[in-house]
PDB file of N, CA and C in Angstrom:
ATOM      1  N   MET A   1      -0.317  10.573  14.314  1.00  0.00           N
ATOM      2  CA  MET A   1      -0.334   9.147  14.581  1.00  0.00           C
ATOM      3  C   MET A   1       1.086   8.668  14.836  1.00  0.00           C
ATOM      4  N   LYS A   2       1.222   7.810  15.804  1.00  0.00           N
ATOM      5  CA  LYS A   2       2.519   7.298  16.193  1.00  0.00           C
ATOM      6  C   LYS A   2       2.974   6.204  15.218  1.00  0.00           C
ATOM      7  N   THR A   3       4.227   6.270  14.804  1.00  0.00           N
ATOM      8  CA  THR A   3       4.779   5.265  13.903  1.00  0.00           C
ATOM      9  C   THR A   3       5.076   3.997  14.696  1.00  0.00           C
ATOM     10  N   PRO A   4       4.641   2.826  14.189  1.00  0.00           N
ATOM     11  CA  PRO A   4       4.893   1.585  14.931  1.00  0.00           C
ATOM     12  C   PRO A   4       6.377   1.238  14.929  1.00  0.00           C
ATOM     13  N   ARG A   5       6.801   0.628  16.004  1.00  0.00           N
ATOM     14  CA  ARG A   5       8.171   0.144  16.071  1.00  0.00           C
ATOM     15  C   ARG A   5       8.311  -1.061  15.153  1.00  0.00           C
ATOM     16  N   ALA A   6       9.524  -1.392  14.816  1.00  0.00           N
ATOM     17  CA  ALA A   6       9.782  -2.487  13.879  1.00  0.00           C
ATOM     18  C   ALA A   6       9.191  -3.797  14.383  1.00  0.00           C
ATOM     19  N   TYR A   7       9.394  -4.108  15.658  1.00  0.00           N
ATOM     20  CA  TYR A   7       8.882  -5.380  16.164  1.00  0.00           C
ATOM     21  C   TYR A   7       7.356  -5.420  16.142  1.00  0.00           C
ATOM     22  N   GLN A   8       6.713  -4.265  16.291  1.00  0.00           N
ATOM     23  CA  GLN A   8       5.255  -4.221  16.242  1.00  0.00           C
ATOM     24  C   GLN A   8       4.750  -4.579  14.853  1.00  0.00           C
ATOM     25  N   THR A   9       5.437  -4.099  13.838  1.00  0.00           N
ATOM     26  CA  THR A   9       5.059  -4.409  12.466  1.00  0.00           C
ATOM     27  C   THR A   9       5.211  -5.904  12.199  1.00  0.00           C
ATOM     28  N   VAL A  10       6.294  -6.499  12.700  1.00  0.00           N
ATOM     29  CA  VAL A  10       6.535  -7.933  12.500  1.00  0.00           C
ATOM     30  C   VAL A  10       5.469  -8.758  13.219  1.00  0.00           C
ATOM     31  N   VAL A  11       5.161  -8.409  14.449  1.00  0.00           N
ATOM     32  CA  VAL A  11       4.141  -9.148  15.208  1.00  0.00           C
ATOM     33  C   VAL A  11       2.778  -8.987  14.539  1.00  0.00           C
ATOM     34  N   ASP A  12       2.452  -7.791  14.096  1.00  0.00           N
ATOM     35  CA  ASP A  12       1.176  -7.571  13.409  1.00  0.00           C
ATOM     36  C   ASP A  12       1.083  -8.424  12.146  1.00  0.00           C
ATOM     37  N   HIS A  13       2.163  -8.492  11.376  1.00  0.00           N
ATOM     38  CA  HIS A  13       2.175  -9.306  10.158  1.00  0.00           C
ATOM     39  C   HIS A  13       1.962 -10.780  10.501  1.00  0.00           C
ATOM     40  N   PHE A  14       2.645 -11.239  11.532  1.00  0.00           N
ATOM     41  CA  PHE A  14       2.511 -12.628  11.960  1.00  0.00           C
ATOM     42  C   PHE A  14       1.083 -12.933  12.394  1.00  0.00           C
ATOM     43  N   LEU A  15       0.509 -12.080  13.222  1.00  0.00           N
ATOM     44  CA  LEU A  15      -0.850 -12.313  13.716  1.00  0.00           C
ATOM     45  C   LEU A  15      -1.876 -12.252  12.588  1.00  0.00           C
ATOM     46  N   ASP A  16      -1.663 -11.377  11.616  1.00  0.00           N
ATOM     47  CA  ASP A  16      -2.568 -11.318  10.458  1.00  0.00           C
ATOM     48  C   ASP A  16      -2.506 -12.607   9.650  1.00  0.00           C
ATOM     49  N   LEU A  17      -1.315 -13.146   9.509  1.00  0.00           N
ATOM     50  CA  LEU A  17      -1.124 -14.354   8.706  1.00  0.00           C
ATOM     51  C   LEU A  17      -1.752 -15.584   9.354  1.00  0.00           C
ATOM     52  N   VAL A  18      -1.618 -15.694  10.658  1.00  0.00           N
ATOM     53  CA  VAL A  18      -2.114 -16.895  11.345  1.00  0.00           C
ATOM     54  C   VAL A  18      -3.466 -16.673  12.013  1.00  0.00           C
ATOM     55  N   ASP A  19      -4.096 -15.538  11.757  1.00  0.00           N
ATOM     56  CA  ASP A  19      -5.362 -15.203  12.410  1.00  0.00           C
ATOM     57  C   ASP A  19      -5.225 -15.333  13.924  1.00  0.00           C
ATOM     58  N   GLY A  20      -4.133 -14.794  14.427  1.00  0.00           N
ATOM     59  CA  GLY A  20      -3.827 -14.892  15.854  1.00  0.00           C
ATOM     60  C   GLY A  20      -4.681 -13.991  16.708  1.00  0.00           C
ATOM     61  N   ASP A  21      -4.798 -14.366  17.942  1.00  0.00           N
ATOM     62  CA  ASP A  21      -5.546 -13.598  18.925  1.00  0.00           C
ATOM     63  C   ASP A  21      -4.693 -12.420  19.394  1.00  0.00           C
ATOM     64  N   PRO A  22      -5.176 -11.198  19.265  1.00  0.00           N
ATOM     65  CA  PRO A  22      -4.399 -10.033  19.709  1.00  0.00           C
ATOM     66  C   PRO A  22      -4.039 -10.081  21.193  1.00  0.00           C
ATOM     67  N   LYS A  23      -4.738 -10.886  21.973  1.00  0.00           N
ATOM     68  CA  LYS A  23      -4.420 -11.011  23.392  1.00  0.00           C
ATOM     69  C   LYS A  23      -3.058 -11.669  23.603  1.00  0.00           C
ATOM     70  N   THR A  24      -2.564 -12.389  22.582  1.00  0.00           N
ATOM     71  CA  THR A  24      -1.271 -13.064  22.693  1.00  0.00           C
ATOM     72  C   THR A  24      -0.127 -12.201  22.172  1.00  0.00           C
ATOM     73  N   TYR A  25      -0.405 -10.948  21.878  1.00  0.00           N
ATOM     74  CA  TYR A  25       0.568 -10.034  21.277  1.00  0.00           C
ATOM     75  C   TYR A  25       1.889 -10.007  22.042  1.00  0.00           C
ATOM     76  N   SER A  26       1.818  -9.829  23.342  1.00  0.00           N
ATOM     77  CA  SER A  26       3.042  -9.675  24.137  1.00  0.00           C
ATOM     78  C   SER A  26       3.901 -10.937  24.131  1.00  0.00           C
ATOM     79  N   ARG A  27       3.287 -12.085  23.891  1.00  0.00           N
ATOM     80  CA  ARG A  27       4.023 -13.336  23.851  1.00  0.00           C
ATOM     81  C   ARG A  27       5.002 -13.377  22.671  1.00  0.00           C
ATOM     82  N   HIS A  28       4.722 -12.635  21.616  1.00  0.00           N
ATOM     83  CA  HIS A  28       5.501 -12.703  20.384  1.00  0.00           C
ATOM     84  C   HIS A  28       6.567 -11.608  20.263  1.00  0.00           C
ATOM     85  N   ILE A  29       6.615 -10.680  21.182  1.00  0.00           N
ATOM     86  CA  ILE A  29       7.522  -9.539  21.058  1.00  0.00           C
ATOM     87  C   ILE A  29       8.987  -9.965  21.075  1.00  0.00           C
ATOM     88  N   LYS A  30       9.382 -10.802  22.002  1.00  0.00           N
ATOM     89  CA  LYS A  30      10.787 -11.207  22.109  1.00  0.00           C
ATOM     90  C   LYS A  30      11.239 -11.952  20.858  1.00  0.00           C
ATOM     91  N   ALA A  31      10.408 -12.855  20.356  1.00  0.00           N
ATOM     92  CA  ALA A  31      10.759 -13.593  19.142  1.00  0.00           C
ATOM     93  C   ALA A  31      10.856 -12.654  17.941  1.00  0.00           C
ATOM     94  N   ALA A  32       9.965 -11.665  17.857  1.00  0.00           N
ATOM     95  CA  ALA A  32      10.008 -10.697  16.759  1.00  0.00           C
ATOM     96  C   ALA A  32      11.299  -9.887  16.814  1.00  0.00           C
ATOM     97  N   GLN A  33      11.720  -9.518  18.008  1.00  0.00           N
ATOM     98  CA  GLN A  33      12.972  -8.776  18.155  1.00  0.00           C
ATOM     99  C   GLN A  33      14.162  -9.647  17.740  1.00  0.00           C
ATOM    100  N   SER A  34      14.137 -10.925  18.078  1.00  0.00           N
ATOM    101  CA  SER A  34      15.210 -11.845  17.679  1.00  0.00           C
ATOM    102  C   SER A  34      15.247 -12.002  16.159  1.00  0.00           C
ATOM    103  N   LEU A  35      14.088 -12.093  15.544  1.00  0.00           N
ATOM    104  CA  LEU A  35      14.022 -12.196  14.085  1.00  0.00           C
ATOM    105  C   LEU A  35      14.580 -10.933  13.438  1.00  0.00           C
ATOM    106  N   LEU A  36      14.305  -9.792  14.016  1.00  0.00           N
ATOM    107  CA  LEU A  36      14.839  -8.540  13.481  1.00  0.00           C
ATOM    108  C   LEU A  36      16.360  -8.471  13.620  1.00  0.00           C
ATOM    109  N   VAL A  37      16.895  -9.084  14.638  1.00  0.00           N
ATOM    110  CA  VAL A  37      18.358  -9.149  14.771  1.00  0.00           C
ATOM    111  C   VAL A  37      18.930  -9.969  13.615  1.00  0.00           C
ATOM    112  N   LEU A  38      18.292 -11.089  13.288  1.00  0.00           N
ATOM    113  CA  LEU A  38      18.749 -11.924  12.177  1.00  0.00           C
ATOM    114  C   LEU A  38      18.692 -11.184  10.842  1.00  0.00           C
ATOM    115  N   THR A  39      17.721 -10.307  10.689  1.00  0.00           N
ATOM    116  CA  THR A  39      17.546  -9.586   9.427  1.00  0.00           C
ATOM    117  C   THR A  39      18.180  -8.198   9.474  1.00  0.00           C
ATOM    118  N   ASN A  40      19.014  -7.951  10.472  1.00  0.00           N
ATOM    119  CA  ASN A  40      19.690  -6.653  10.627  1.00  0.00           C
ATOM    120  C   ASN A  40      18.710  -5.493  10.678  1.00  0.00           C
ATOM    121  N   GLY A  41      17.559  -5.720  11.308  1.00  0.00           N
ATOM    122  CA  GLY A  41      16.570  -4.668  11.486  1.00  0.00           C
ATOM    123  C   GLY A  41      15.692  -4.409  10.285  1.00  0.00           C
ATOM    124  N   ASN A  42      15.786  -5.225   9.264  1.00  0.00           N
ATOM    125  CA  ASN A  42      15.003  -5.036   8.048  1.00  0.00           C
ATOM    126  C   ASN A  42      13.616  -5.659   8.226  1.00  0.00           C
ATOM    127  N   VAL A  43      12.617  -4.821   8.386  1.00  0.00           N
ATOM    128  CA  VAL A  43      11.251  -5.280   8.641  1.00  0.00           C
ATOM    129  C   VAL A  43      10.705  -6.074   7.458  1.00  0.00           C
ATOM    130  N   GLU A  44      10.964  -5.583   6.240  1.00  0.00           N
ATOM    131  CA  GLU A  44      10.458  -6.278   5.053  1.00  0.00           C
ATOM    132  C   GLU A  44      11.042  -7.680   4.938  1.00  0.00           C
ATOM    133  N   GLU A  45      12.328  -7.827   5.239  1.00  0.00           N
ATOM    134  CA  GLU A  45      12.968  -9.138   5.180  1.00  0.00           C
ATOM    135  C   GLU A  45      12.427 -10.062   6.271  1.00  0.00           C
ATOM    136  N   ALA A  46      12.144  -9.514   7.445  1.00  0.00           N
ATOM    137  CA  ALA A  46      11.571 -10.315   8.528  1.00  0.00           C
ATOM    138  C   ALA A  46      10.175 -10.811   8.141  1.00  0.00           C
ATOM    139  N   CYS A  47       9.373  -9.946   7.561  1.00  0.00           N
ATOM    140  CA  CYS A  47       8.031 -10.348   7.124  1.00  0.00           C
ATOM    141  C   CYS A  47       8.112 -11.367   5.992  1.00  0.00           C
ATOM    142  N   ALA A  48       9.100 -11.201   5.100  1.00  0.00           N
ATOM    143  CA  ALA A  48       9.292 -12.170   4.017  1.00  0.00           C
ATOM    144  C   ALA A  48       9.703 -13.534   4.584  1.00  0.00           C
ATOM    145  N   ALA A  49      10.501 -13.537   5.634  1.00  0.00           N
ATOM    146  CA  ALA A  49      10.900 -14.794   6.271  1.00  0.00           C
ATOM    147  C   ALA A  49       9.684 -15.486   6.884  1.00  0.00           C
ATOM    148  N   ILE A  50       8.790 -14.719   7.464  1.00  0.00           N
ATOM    149  CA  ILE A  50       7.553 -15.283   8.011  1.00  0.00           C
ATOM    150  C   ILE A  50       6.736 -15.903   6.877  1.00  0.00           C
ATOM    151  N   ASP A  51       6.633 -15.199   5.768  1.00  0.00           N
ATOM    152  CA  ASP A  51       5.879 -15.705   4.612  1.00  0.00           C
ATOM    153  C   ASP A  51       6.505 -16.983   4.050  1.00  0.00           C
ATOM    154  N   ARG A  52       7.848 -17.013   3.947  1.00  0.00           N
ATOM    155  CA  ARG A  52       8.529 -18.211   3.435  1.00  0.00           C
ATOM    156  C   ARG A  52       8.286 -19.413   4.333  1.00  0.00           C
ATOM    157  N   THR A  53       8.372 -19.205   5.639  1.00  0.00           N
ATOM    158  CA  THR A  53       8.159 -20.300   6.578  1.00  0.00           C
ATOM    159  C   THR A  53       6.710 -20.771   6.524  1.00  0.00           C
ATOM    160  N   TYR A  54       5.784 -19.839   6.389  1.00  0.00           N
ATOM    161  CA  TYR A  54       4.370 -20.196   6.266  1.00  0.00           C
ATOM    162  C   TYR A  54       4.140 -21.042   5.014  1.00  0.00           C
ATOM    163  N   ALA A  55       4.745 -20.635   3.897  1.00  0.00           N
ATOM    164  CA  ALA A  55       4.603 -21.392   2.647  1.00  0.00           C
ATOM    165  C   ALA A  55       5.221 -22.781   2.788  1.00  0.00           C
ATOM    166  N   TRP A  56       6.364 -22.863   3.445  1.00  0.00           N
ATOM    167  CA  TRP A  56       7.033 -24.147   3.666  1.00  0.00           C
ATOM    168  C   TRP A  56       6.153 -25.080   4.498  1.00  0.00           C
ATOM    169  N   LEU A  57       5.586 -24.550   5.585  1.00  0.00           N
ATOM    170  CA  LEU A  57       4.722 -25.368   6.437  1.00  0.00           C
ATOM    171  C   LEU A  57       3.432 -25.746   5.730  1.00  0.00           C
ATOM    172  N   THR A  58       2.908 -24.862   4.901  1.00  0.00           N
ATOM    173  CA  THR A  58       1.696 -25.150   4.148  1.00  0.00           C
ATOM    174  C   THR A  58       1.932 -26.321   3.195  1.00  0.00           C
ATOM    175  N   GLY A  59       3.133 -26.431   2.656  1.00  0.00           N
ATOM    176  CA  GLY A  59       3.484 -27.543   1.785  1.00  0.00           C
ATOM    177  C   GLY A  59       3.382 -28.883   2.486  1.00  0.00           C
ATOM    178  N   PHE A  60       3.573 -28.888   3.793  1.00  0.00           N
ATOM    179  CA  PHE A  60       3.435 -30.105   4.585  1.00  0.00           C
ATOM    180  C   PHE A  60       2.036 -30.244   5.174  1.00  0.00           C
ATOM    181  N   GLY A  61       1.174 -29.282   4.892  1.00  0.00           N
ATOM    182  CA  GLY A  61      -0.176 -29.299   5.447  1.00  0.00           C
ATOM    183  C   GLY A  61      -0.187 -29.016   6.929  1.00  0.00           C
ATOM    184  N   ASP A  62       0.823 -28.280   7.390  1.00  0.00           N
ATOM    185  CA  ASP A  62       0.991 -28.064   8.823  1.00  0.00           C
ATOM    186  C   ASP A  62       1.051 -26.575   9.170  1.00  0.00           C
ATOM    187  N   LYS A  63       0.287 -25.762   8.463  1.00  0.00           N
ATOM    188  CA  LYS A  63       0.378 -24.321   8.673  1.00  0.00           C
ATOM    189  C   LYS A  63      -0.093 -23.871  10.051  1.00  0.00           C
ATOM    190  N   GLU A  64      -0.842 -24.713  10.758  1.00  0.00           N
ATOM    191  CA  GLU A  64      -1.308 -24.335  12.088  1.00  0.00           C
ATOM    192  C   GLU A  64      -0.180 -24.275  13.107  1.00  0.00           C
ATOM    193  N   SER A  65       0.961 -24.898  12.805  1.00  0.00           N
ATOM    194  CA  SER A  65       2.058 -24.920  13.770  1.00  0.00           C
ATOM    195  C   SER A  65       3.051 -23.774  13.568  1.00  0.00           C
ATOM    196  N   LEU A  66       2.696 -22.773  12.770  1.00  0.00           N
ATOM    197  CA  LEU A  66       3.591 -21.638  12.549  1.00  0.00           C
ATOM    198  C   LEU A  66       3.740 -20.834  13.832  1.00  0.00           C
ATOM    199  N   ARG A  67       4.972 -20.647  14.238  1.00  0.00           N
ATOM    200  CA  ARG A  67       5.327 -19.818  15.381  1.00  0.00           C
ATOM    201  C   ARG A  67       6.504 -18.957  14.961  1.00  0.00           C
ATOM    202  N   LEU A  68       6.684 -17.826  15.584  1.00  0.00           N
ATOM    203  CA  LEU A  68       7.837 -16.997  15.263  1.00  0.00           C
ATOM    204  C   LEU A  68       9.133 -17.719  15.593  1.00  0.00           C
ATOM    205  N   GLU A  69       9.100 -18.568  16.594  1.00  0.00           N
ATOM    206  CA  GLU A  69      10.282 -19.348  16.943  1.00  0.00           C
ATOM    207  C   GLU A  69      10.669 -20.287  15.795  1.00  0.00           C
ATOM    208  N   THR A  70       9.671 -20.828  15.088  1.00  0.00           N
ATOM    209  CA  THR A  70       9.934 -21.689  13.926  1.00  0.00           C
ATOM    210  C   THR A  70      10.585 -20.876  12.819  1.00  0.00           C
ATOM    211  N   VAL A  71      10.137 -19.653  12.631  1.00  0.00           N
ATOM    212  CA  VAL A  71      10.716 -18.777  11.609  1.00  0.00           C
ATOM    213  C   VAL A  71      12.190 -18.537  11.912  1.00  0.00           C
ATOM    214  N   ILE A  72      12.513 -18.309  13.179  1.00  0.00           N
ATOM    215  CA  ILE A  72      13.900 -18.072  13.574  1.00  0.00           C
ATOM    216  C   ILE A  72      14.740 -19.323  13.328  1.00  0.00           C
ATOM    217  N   LYS A  73      14.234 -20.489  13.696  1.00  0.00           N
ATOM    218  CA  LYS A  73      14.984 -21.739  13.514  1.00  0.00           C
ATOM    219  C   LYS A  73      15.228 -22.051  12.045  1.00  0.00           C
ATOM    220  N   LYS A  74      14.272 -21.739  11.179  1.00  0.00           N
ATOM    221  CA  LYS A  74      14.360 -22.069   9.754  1.00  0.00           C
ATOM    222  C   LYS A  74      14.884 -20.908   8.901  1.00  0.00           C
ATOM    223  N   PHE A  75      15.273 -19.805   9.519  1.00  0.00           N
ATOM    224  CA  PHE A  75      15.647 -18.615   8.781  1.00  0.00           C
ATOM    225  C   PHE A  75      16.716 -18.900   7.721  1.00  0.00           C
ATOM    226  N   TYR A  76      17.811 -19.522   8.106  1.00  0.00           N
ATOM    227  CA  TYR A  76      18.901 -19.763   7.154  1.00  0.00           C
ATOM    228  C   TYR A  76      18.592 -20.911   6.212  1.00  0.00           C
ATOM    229  N   ASP A  77      17.818 -21.899   6.666  1.00  0.00           N
ATOM    230  CA  ASP A  77      17.455 -23.014   5.805  1.00  0.00           C
ATOM    231  C   ASP A  77      16.570 -22.563   4.646  1.00  0.00           C
ATOM    232  N   LEU A  78      15.690 -21.619   4.897  1.00  0.00           N
ATOM    233  CA  LEU A  78      14.726 -21.187   3.885  1.00  0.00           C
ATOM    234  C   LEU A  78      15.130 -19.885   3.205  1.00  0.00           C
ATOM    235  N   LEU A  79      16.335 -19.422   3.466  1.00  0.00           N
ATOM    236  CA  LEU A  79      16.815 -18.190   2.851  1.00  0.00           C
ATOM    237  C   LEU A  79      17.032 -18.435   1.369  1.00  0.00           C
ATOM    238  N   ILE A  80      16.342 -17.660   0.564  1.00  0.00           N
ATOM    239  CA  ILE A  80      16.426 -17.856  -0.887  1.00  0.00           C
ATOM    240  C   ILE A  80      17.100 -16.652  -1.514  1.00  0.00           C
TER     241      ILE A  80
END
């Protein structure tokens, strides 16, 4: 079995969290790669950033607006 690339793991985590349509997979690749640059290639940290942003948006009752671009914009603000 082929090992998934780092960005694939990040996109899969994002789509699982938001119940995303797999047909939109390619739309999220560039943002996932940018997020991995912010986390120095650390997949676990990138997935944790997605989770933190999701929790933050859920606090506002706005979890439907989660996008990987939002995770990138809020990365340093929500860094704990």
